[in-house]
PDB file of all heavy atoms in Angstrom:
ATOM      1  N   GLY A   1       0.816  -1.219   0.000  1.00  0.00           N
ATOM      2  CA  GLY A   1       0.000   0.000   0.000  1.00  0.00           C
ATOM      3  C   GLY A   1       0.843   1.261   0.000  1.00  0.00           C
ATOM      4  O   GLY A   1       0.633   2.167  -0.811  1.00  0.00           O
ATOM      5  N   TRP A   2       1.839   1.306   0.889  1.00  0.00           N
ATOM      6  CA  TRP A   2       2.678   2.498   0.970  1.00  0.00           C
ATOM      7  C   TRP A   2       3.567   2.646  -0.253  1.00  0.00           C
ATOM      8  O   TRP A   2       3.806   3.758  -0.731  1.00  0.00           O
ATOM      9  CB  TRP A   2       3.498   2.503   2.261  1.00  0.00           C
ATOM     10  CG  TRP A   2       2.635   2.757   3.451  1.00  0.00           C
ATOM     11  CD1 TRP A   2       2.272   1.855   4.405  1.00  0.00           C
ATOM     12  CD2 TRP A   2       1.990   3.975   3.789  1.00  0.00           C
ATOM     13  NE1 TRP A   2       1.430   2.449   5.321  1.00  0.00           N
ATOM     14  CE2 TRP A   2       1.250   3.749   4.971  1.00  0.00           C
ATOM     15  CE3 TRP A   2       1.946   5.234   3.214  1.00  0.00           C
ATOM     16  CZ2 TRP A   2       0.486   4.741   5.581  1.00  0.00           C
ATOM     17  CZ3 TRP A   2       1.190   6.226   3.825  1.00  0.00           C
ATOM     18  CH2 TRP A   2       0.471   5.977   4.990  1.00  0.00           C
ATOM     19  N   ALA A   3       4.067   1.536  -0.791  1.00  0.00           N
ATOM     20  CA  ALA A   3       4.912   1.614  -1.994  1.00  0.00           C
ATOM     21  C   ALA A   3       4.114   2.134  -3.183  1.00  0.00           C
ATOM     22  O   ALA A   3       4.587   2.997  -3.936  1.00  0.00           O
ATOM     23  CB  ALA A   3       5.504   0.243  -2.309  1.00  0.00           C
ATOM     24  N   LEU A   4       2.900   1.629  -3.369  1.00  0.00           N
ATOM     25  CA  LEU A   4       2.063   2.090  -4.481  1.00  0.00           C
ATOM     26  C   LEU A   4       1.655   3.546  -4.295  1.00  0.00           C
ATOM     27  O   LEU A   4       1.675   4.327  -5.246  1.00  0.00           O
ATOM     28  CB  LEU A   4       0.831   1.192  -4.632  1.00  0.00           C
ATOM     29  CG  LEU A   4       1.114  -0.201  -5.177  1.00  0.00           C
ATOM     30  CD1 LEU A   4      -0.115  -1.095  -5.013  1.00  0.00           C
ATOM     31  CD2 LEU A   4       1.553  -0.150  -6.625  1.00  0.00           C
ATOM     32  N   ALA A   5       1.303   3.926  -3.068  1.00  0.00           N
ATOM     33  CA  ALA A   5       0.946   5.324  -2.804  1.00  0.00           C
ATOM     34  C   ALA A   5       2.143   6.239  -3.067  1.00  0.00           C
ATOM     35  O   ALA A   5       1.996   7.319  -3.649  1.00  0.00           O
ATOM     36  CB  ALA A   5       0.447   5.484  -1.366  1.00  0.00           C
ATOM     37  N   GLY A   6       3.326   5.806  -2.660  1.00  0.00           N
ATOM     38  CA  GLY A   6       4.527   6.593  -2.912  1.00  0.00           C
ATOM     39  C   GLY A   6       4.812   6.737  -4.392  1.00  0.00           C
ATOM     40  O   GLY A   6       5.179   7.813  -4.872  1.00  0.00           O
ATOM     41  N   SER A   7       4.620   5.659  -5.130  1.00  0.00           N
ATOM     42  CA  SER A   7       4.826   5.707  -6.577  1.00  0.00           C
ATOM     43  C   SER A   7       3.839   6.662  -7.233  1.00  0.00           C
ATOM     44  O   SER A   7       4.210   7.473  -8.081  1.00  0.00           O
ATOM     45  CB  SER A   7       4.687   4.294  -7.162  1.00  0.00           C
ATOM     46  OG  SER A   7       4.983   4.295  -8.525  1.00  0.00           O
ATOM     47  N   LEU A   8       2.580   6.585  -6.834  1.00  0.00           N
ATOM     48  CA  LEU A   8       1.568   7.503  -7.373  1.00  0.00           C
ATOM     49  C   LEU A   8       1.892   8.953  -7.012  1.00  0.00           C
ATOM     50  O   LEU A   8       1.717   9.852  -7.833  1.00  0.00           O
ATOM     51  CB  LEU A   8       0.181   7.127  -6.854  1.00  0.00           C
ATOM     52  CG  LEU A   8      -0.429   5.872  -7.444  1.00  0.00           C
ATOM     53  CD1 LEU A   8      -1.637   5.437  -6.628  1.00  0.00           C
ATOM     54  CD2 LEU A   8      -0.809   6.074  -8.900  1.00  0.00           C
ATOM     55  N   ALA A   9       2.343   9.176  -5.782  1.00  0.00           N
ATOM     56  CA  ALA A   9       2.695  10.537  -5.363  1.00  0.00           C
ATOM     57  C   ALA A   9       3.842  11.079  -6.213  1.00  0.00           C
ATOM     58  O   ALA A   9       3.815  12.236  -6.640  1.00  0.00           O
ATOM     59  CB  ALA A   9       3.076  10.555  -3.883  1.00  0.00           C
ATOM     60  N   ARG A  10       4.839  10.246  -6.492  1.00  0.00           N
ATOM     61  CA  ARG A  10       5.964  10.676  -7.319  1.00  0.00           C
ATOM     62  C   ARG A  10       5.504  10.980  -8.745  1.00  0.00           C
ATOM     63  O   ARG A  10       5.929  11.970  -9.335  1.00  0.00           O
ATOM     64  CB  ARG A  10       7.067   9.621  -7.305  1.00  0.00           C
ATOM     65  CG  ARG A  10       7.793   9.539  -5.964  1.00  0.00           C
ATOM     66  CD  ARG A  10       8.738   8.353  -5.889  1.00  0.00           C
ATOM     67  NE  ARG A  10       9.858   8.462  -6.791  1.00  0.00           N
ATOM     68  CZ  ARG A  10      11.016   9.061  -6.506  1.00  0.00           C
ATOM     69  NH1 ARG A  10      11.203   9.601  -5.322  1.00  0.00           N
ATOM     70  NH2 ARG A  10      11.979   9.103  -7.396  1.00  0.00           N
ATOM     71  N   VAL A  11       4.627  10.145  -9.292  1.00  0.00           N
ATOM     72  CA  VAL A  11       4.069  10.413 -10.625  1.00  0.00           C
ATOM     73  C   VAL A  11       3.363  11.767 -10.603  1.00  0.00           C
ATOM     74  O   VAL A  11       3.550  12.596 -11.497  1.00  0.00           O
ATOM     75  CB  VAL A  11       3.098   9.298 -11.076  1.00  0.00           C
ATOM     76  CG1 VAL A  11       2.283   9.734 -12.285  1.00  0.00           C
ATOM     77  CG2 VAL A  11       3.861   8.015 -11.382  1.00  0.00           C
ATOM     78  N   GLY A  12       2.548  11.999  -9.582  1.00  0.00           N
ATOM     79  CA  GLY A  12       1.822  13.264  -9.470  1.00  0.00           C
ATOM     80  C   GLY A  12       2.744  14.465  -9.344  1.00  0.00           C
ATOM     81  O   GLY A  12       2.496  15.515  -9.950  1.00  0.00           O
ATOM     82  N   GLN A  13       3.806  14.323  -8.576  1.00  0.00           N
ATOM     83  CA  GLN A  13       4.756  15.434  -8.412  1.00  0.00           C
ATOM     84  C   GLN A  13       5.416  15.798  -9.740  1.00  0.00           C
ATOM     85  O   GLN A  13       5.514  16.973 -10.080  1.00  0.00           O
ATOM     86  CB  GLN A  13       5.835  15.056  -7.394  1.00  0.00           C
ATOM     87  CG  GLN A  13       5.363  15.058  -5.960  1.00  0.00           C
ATOM     88  CD  GLN A  13       6.491  14.639  -5.040  1.00  0.00           C
ATOM     89  OE1 GLN A  13       6.893  13.483  -5.031  1.00  0.00           O
ATOM     90  NE2 GLN A  13       7.002  15.602  -4.275  1.00  0.00           N
ATOM     91  N   VAL A  14       5.868  14.796 -10.476  1.00  0.00           N
ATOM     92  CA  VAL A  14       6.553  15.075 -11.739  1.00  0.00           C
ATOM     93  C   VAL A  14       5.559  15.623 -12.761  1.00  0.00           C
ATOM     94  O   VAL A  14       5.858  16.573 -13.486  1.00  0.00           O
ATOM     95  CB  VAL A  14       7.276  13.822 -12.281  1.00  0.00           C
ATOM     96  CG1 VAL A  14       7.950  14.121 -13.615  1.00  0.00           C
ATOM     97  CG2 VAL A  14       8.306  13.318 -11.280  1.00  0.00           C
ATOM     98  N   ALA A  15       4.354  15.027 -12.821  1.00  0.00           N
ATOM     99  CA  ALA A  15       3.335  15.502 -13.764  1.00  0.00           C
ATOM    100  C   ALA A  15       2.978  16.961 -13.475  1.00  0.00           C
ATOM    101  O   ALA A  15       2.854  17.774 -14.387  1.00  0.00           O
ATOM    102  CB  ALA A  15       2.093  14.620 -13.696  1.00  0.00           C
ATOM    103  N   ARG A  16       2.826  17.296 -12.198  1.00  0.00           N
ATOM    104  CA  ARG A  16       2.499  18.678 -11.822  1.00  0.00           C
ATOM    105  C   ARG A  16       3.649  19.621 -12.172  1.00  0.00           C
ATOM    106  O   ARG A  16       3.430  20.717 -12.674  1.00  0.00           O
ATOM    107  CB  ARG A  16       2.179  18.773 -10.339  1.00  0.00           C
ATOM    108  CG  ARG A  16       1.968  20.168  -9.869  1.00  0.00           C
ATOM    109  CD  ARG A  16       0.663  20.558  -9.288  1.00  0.00           C
ATOM    110  NE  ARG A  16      -0.319  19.564  -9.061  1.00  0.00           N
ATOM    111  CZ  ARG A  16      -1.492  19.538  -9.687  1.00  0.00           C
ATOM    112  NH1 ARG A  16      -1.776  20.453 -10.581  1.00  0.00           N
ATOM    113  NH2 ARG A  16      -2.389  18.630  -9.418  1.00  0.00           N
ATOM    114  N   ALA A  17       4.878  19.207 -11.915  1.00  0.00           N
ATOM    115  CA  ALA A  17       6.037  20.047 -12.255  1.00  0.00           C
ATOM    116  C   ALA A  17       6.113  20.273 -13.764  1.00  0.00           C
ATOM    117  O   ALA A  17       6.387  21.389 -14.212  1.00  0.00           O
ATOM    118  CB  ALA A  17       7.325  19.400 -11.741  1.00  0.00           C
ATOM    119  N   LEU A  18       5.839  19.227 -14.543  1.00  0.00           N
ATOM    120  CA  LEU A  18       5.812  19.387 -16.000  1.00  0.00           C
ATOM    121  C   LEU A  18       4.685  20.314 -16.423  1.00  0.00           C
ATOM    122  O   LEU A  18       4.854  21.156 -17.308  1.00  0.00           O
ATOM    123  CB  LEU A  18       5.632  18.026 -16.685  1.00  0.00           C
ATOM    124  CG  LEU A  18       6.894  17.242 -16.984  1.00  0.00           C
ATOM    125  CD1 LEU A  18       6.552  15.845 -17.470  1.00  0.00           C
ATOM    126  CD2 LEU A  18       7.752  17.960 -18.001  1.00  0.00           C
ATOM    127  N   GLU A  19       3.540  20.164 -15.783  1.00  0.00           N
ATOM    128  CA  GLU A  19       2.386  21.020 -16.086  1.00  0.00           C
ATOM    129  C   GLU A  19       2.734  22.487 -15.844  1.00  0.00           C
ATOM    130  O   GLU A  19       2.464  23.348 -16.679  1.00  0.00           O
ATOM    131  CB  GLU A  19       1.209  20.592 -15.203  1.00  0.00           C
ATOM    132  CG  GLU A  19       0.008  21.495 -15.264  1.00  0.00           C
ATOM    133  CD  GLU A  19      -1.034  21.125 -14.222  1.00  0.00           C
ATOM    134  OE1 GLU A  19      -0.940  20.054 -13.617  1.00  0.00           O
ATOM    135  OE2 GLU A  19      -1.948  21.940 -14.020  1.00  0.00           O
ATOM    136  N   GLU A  20       3.360  22.761 -14.706  1.00  0.00           N
ATOM    137  CA  GLU A  20       3.721  24.142 -14.382  1.00  0.00           C
ATOM    138  C   GLU A  20       4.765  24.687 -15.345  1.00  0.00           C
ATOM    139  O   GLU A  20       4.702  25.833 -15.761  1.00  0.00           O
ATOM    140  CB  GLU A  20       4.238  24.213 -12.941  1.00  0.00           C
ATOM    141  CG  GLU A  20       3.159  23.996 -11.914  1.00  0.00           C
ATOM    142  CD  GLU A  20       3.704  23.830 -10.506  1.00  0.00           C
ATOM    143  OE1 GLU A  20       4.946  23.883 -10.307  1.00  0.00           O
ATOM    144  OE2 GLU A  20       2.889  23.623  -9.596  1.00  0.00           O
ATOM    145  N   ARG A  21       5.705  23.853 -15.710  1.00  0.00           N
ATOM    146  CA  ARG A  21       6.779  24.290 -16.583  1.00  0.00           C
ATOM    147  C   ARG A  21       6.298  24.501 -18.012  1.00  0.00           C
ATOM    148  O   ARG A  21       6.729  25.426 -18.681  1.00  0.00           O
ATOM    149  CB  ARG A  21       7.910  23.264 -16.557  1.00  0.00           C
ATOM    150  CG  ARG A  21       9.167  23.801 -17.169  1.00  0.00           C
ATOM    151  CD  ARG A  21      10.341  22.951 -16.888  1.00  0.00           C
ATOM    152  NE  ARG A  21      10.748  23.078 -15.494  1.00  0.00           N
ATOM    153  CZ  ARG A  21      11.745  22.410 -14.968  1.00  0.00           C
ATOM    154  NH1 ARG A  21      12.424  21.574 -15.701  1.00  0.00           N
ATOM    155  NH2 ARG A  21      12.075  22.574 -13.718  1.00  0.00           N
ATOM    156  N   GLU A  22       5.415  23.628 -18.495  1.00  0.00           N
ATOM    157  CA  GLU A  22       4.974  23.698 -19.887  1.00  0.00           C
ATOM    158  C   GLU A  22       3.701  24.519 -20.066  1.00  0.00           C
ATOM    159  O   GLU A  22       3.316  24.803 -21.191  1.00  0.00           O
ATOM    160  CB  GLU A  22       4.757  22.286 -20.435  1.00  0.00           C
ATOM    161  CG  GLU A  22       6.042  21.489 -20.516  1.00  0.00           C
ATOM    162  CD  GLU A  22       5.844  20.093 -21.067  1.00  0.00           C
ATOM    163  OE1 GLU A  22       4.709  19.579 -21.015  1.00  0.00           O
ATOM    164  OE2 GLU A  22       6.826  19.533 -21.566  1.00  0.00           O
ATOM    165  N   GLY A  23       3.038  24.839 -18.973  1.00  0.00           N
ATOM    166  CA  GLY A  23       1.836  25.650 -19.066  1.00  0.00           C
ATOM    167  C   GLY A  23       0.637  24.923 -19.655  1.00  0.00           C
ATOM    168  O   GLY A  23      -0.250  25.548 -20.218  1.00  0.00           O
ATOM    169  N   VAL A  24       0.609  23.604 -19.551  1.00  0.00           N
ATOM    170  CA  VAL A  24      -0.541  22.823 -20.010  1.00  0.00           C
ATOM    171  C   VAL A  24      -1.039  21.974 -18.856  1.00  0.00           C
ATOM    172  O   VAL A  24      -0.306  21.705 -17.911  1.00  0.00           O
ATOM    173  CB  VAL A  24      -0.190  21.904 -21.215  1.00  0.00           C
ATOM    174  CG1 VAL A  24       0.202  22.727 -22.415  1.00  0.00           C
ATOM    175  CG2 VAL A  24       0.912  20.926 -20.865  1.00  0.00           C
ATOM    176  N   TRP A  25      -2.290  21.546 -18.929  1.00  0.00           N
ATOM    177  CA  TRP A  25      -2.830  20.741 -17.845  1.00  0.00           C
ATOM    178  C   TRP A  25      -2.373  19.296 -17.964  1.00  0.00           C
ATOM    179  O   TRP A  25      -1.996  18.817 -19.013  1.00  0.00           O
ATOM    180  CB  TRP A  25      -4.352  20.850 -17.757  1.00  0.00           C
ATOM    181  CG  TRP A  25      -5.070  20.407 -19.001  1.00  0.00           C
ATOM    182  CD1 TRP A  25      -5.520  19.158 -19.288  1.00  0.00           C
ATOM    183  CD2 TRP A  25      -5.428  21.213 -20.106  1.00  0.00           C
ATOM    184  NE1 TRP A  25      -6.125  19.126 -20.507  1.00  0.00           N
ATOM    185  CE2 TRP A  25      -6.085  20.385 -21.036  1.00  0.00           C
ATOM    186  CE3 TRP A  25      -5.249  22.558 -20.427  1.00  0.00           C
ATOM    187  CZ2 TRP A  25      -6.561  20.851 -22.249  1.00  0.00           C
ATOM    188  CZ3 TRP A  25      -5.737  23.010 -21.635  1.00  0.00           C
ATOM    189  CH2 TRP A  25      -6.376  22.177 -22.524  1.00  0.00           C
ATOM    190  N   VAL A  26      -2.431  18.596 -16.823  1.00  0.00           N
ATOM    191  CA  VAL A  26      -2.016  17.203 -16.777  1.00  0.00           C
ATOM    192  C   VAL A  26      -2.833  16.408 -17.782  1.00  0.00           C
ATOM    193  O   VAL A  26      -4.030  16.582 -17.908  1.00  0.00           O
ATOM    194  CB  VAL A  26      -2.203  16.637 -15.352  1.00  0.00           C
ATOM    195  CG1 VAL A  26      -1.945  15.141 -15.322  1.00  0.00           C
ATOM    196  CG2 VAL A  26      -1.265  17.344 -14.391  1.00  0.00           C
ATOM    197  N   GLY A  27      -2.180  15.528 -18.505  1.00  0.00           N
ATOM    198  CA  GLY A  27      -2.851  14.736 -19.536  1.00  0.00           C
ATOM    199  C   GLY A  27      -2.520  15.255 -20.926  1.00  0.00           C
ATOM    200  O   GLY A  27      -2.945  14.690 -21.916  1.00  0.00           O
ATOM    201  N   GLN A  28      -1.780  16.328 -20.993  1.00  0.00           N
ATOM    202  CA  GLN A  28      -1.373  16.890 -22.275  1.00  0.00           C
ATOM    203  C   GLN A  28       0.125  17.110 -22.237  1.00  0.00           C
ATOM    204  O   GLN A  28       0.766  16.929 -21.215  1.00  0.00           O
ATOM    205  CB  GLN A  28      -2.092  18.217 -22.507  1.00  0.00           C
ATOM    206  CG  GLN A  28      -3.580  18.090 -22.468  1.00  0.00           C
ATOM    207  CD  GLN A  28      -4.213  18.642 -23.714  1.00  0.00           C
ATOM    208  OE1 GLN A  28      -3.708  19.561 -24.315  1.00  0.00           O
ATOM    209  NE2 GLN A  28      -5.319  18.076 -24.087  1.00  0.00           N
ATOM    210  N   GLY A  29       0.676  17.516 -23.342  1.00  0.00           N
ATOM    211  CA  GLY A  29       2.094  17.857 -23.395  1.00  0.00           C
ATOM    212  C   GLY A  29       2.994  16.711 -22.972  1.00  0.00           C
ATOM    213  O   GLY A  29       2.843  15.581 -23.405  1.00  0.00           O
ATOM    214  N   GLY A  30       3.953  17.006 -22.087  1.00  0.00           N
ATOM    215  CA  GLY A  30       4.933  16.028 -21.654  1.00  0.00           C
ATOM    216  C   GLY A  30       4.335  14.838 -20.947  1.00  0.00           C
ATOM    217  O   GLY A  30       4.824  13.718 -21.067  1.00  0.00           O
TER     218      GLY A  30
END
């Protein structure tokens, strides 16, 4: 449970950082 939650959190962190950097919403761009 904790490993999967941690993996999802890391995915979310990188996706959000890409979103902020590229100016597009999650699910688009990078």
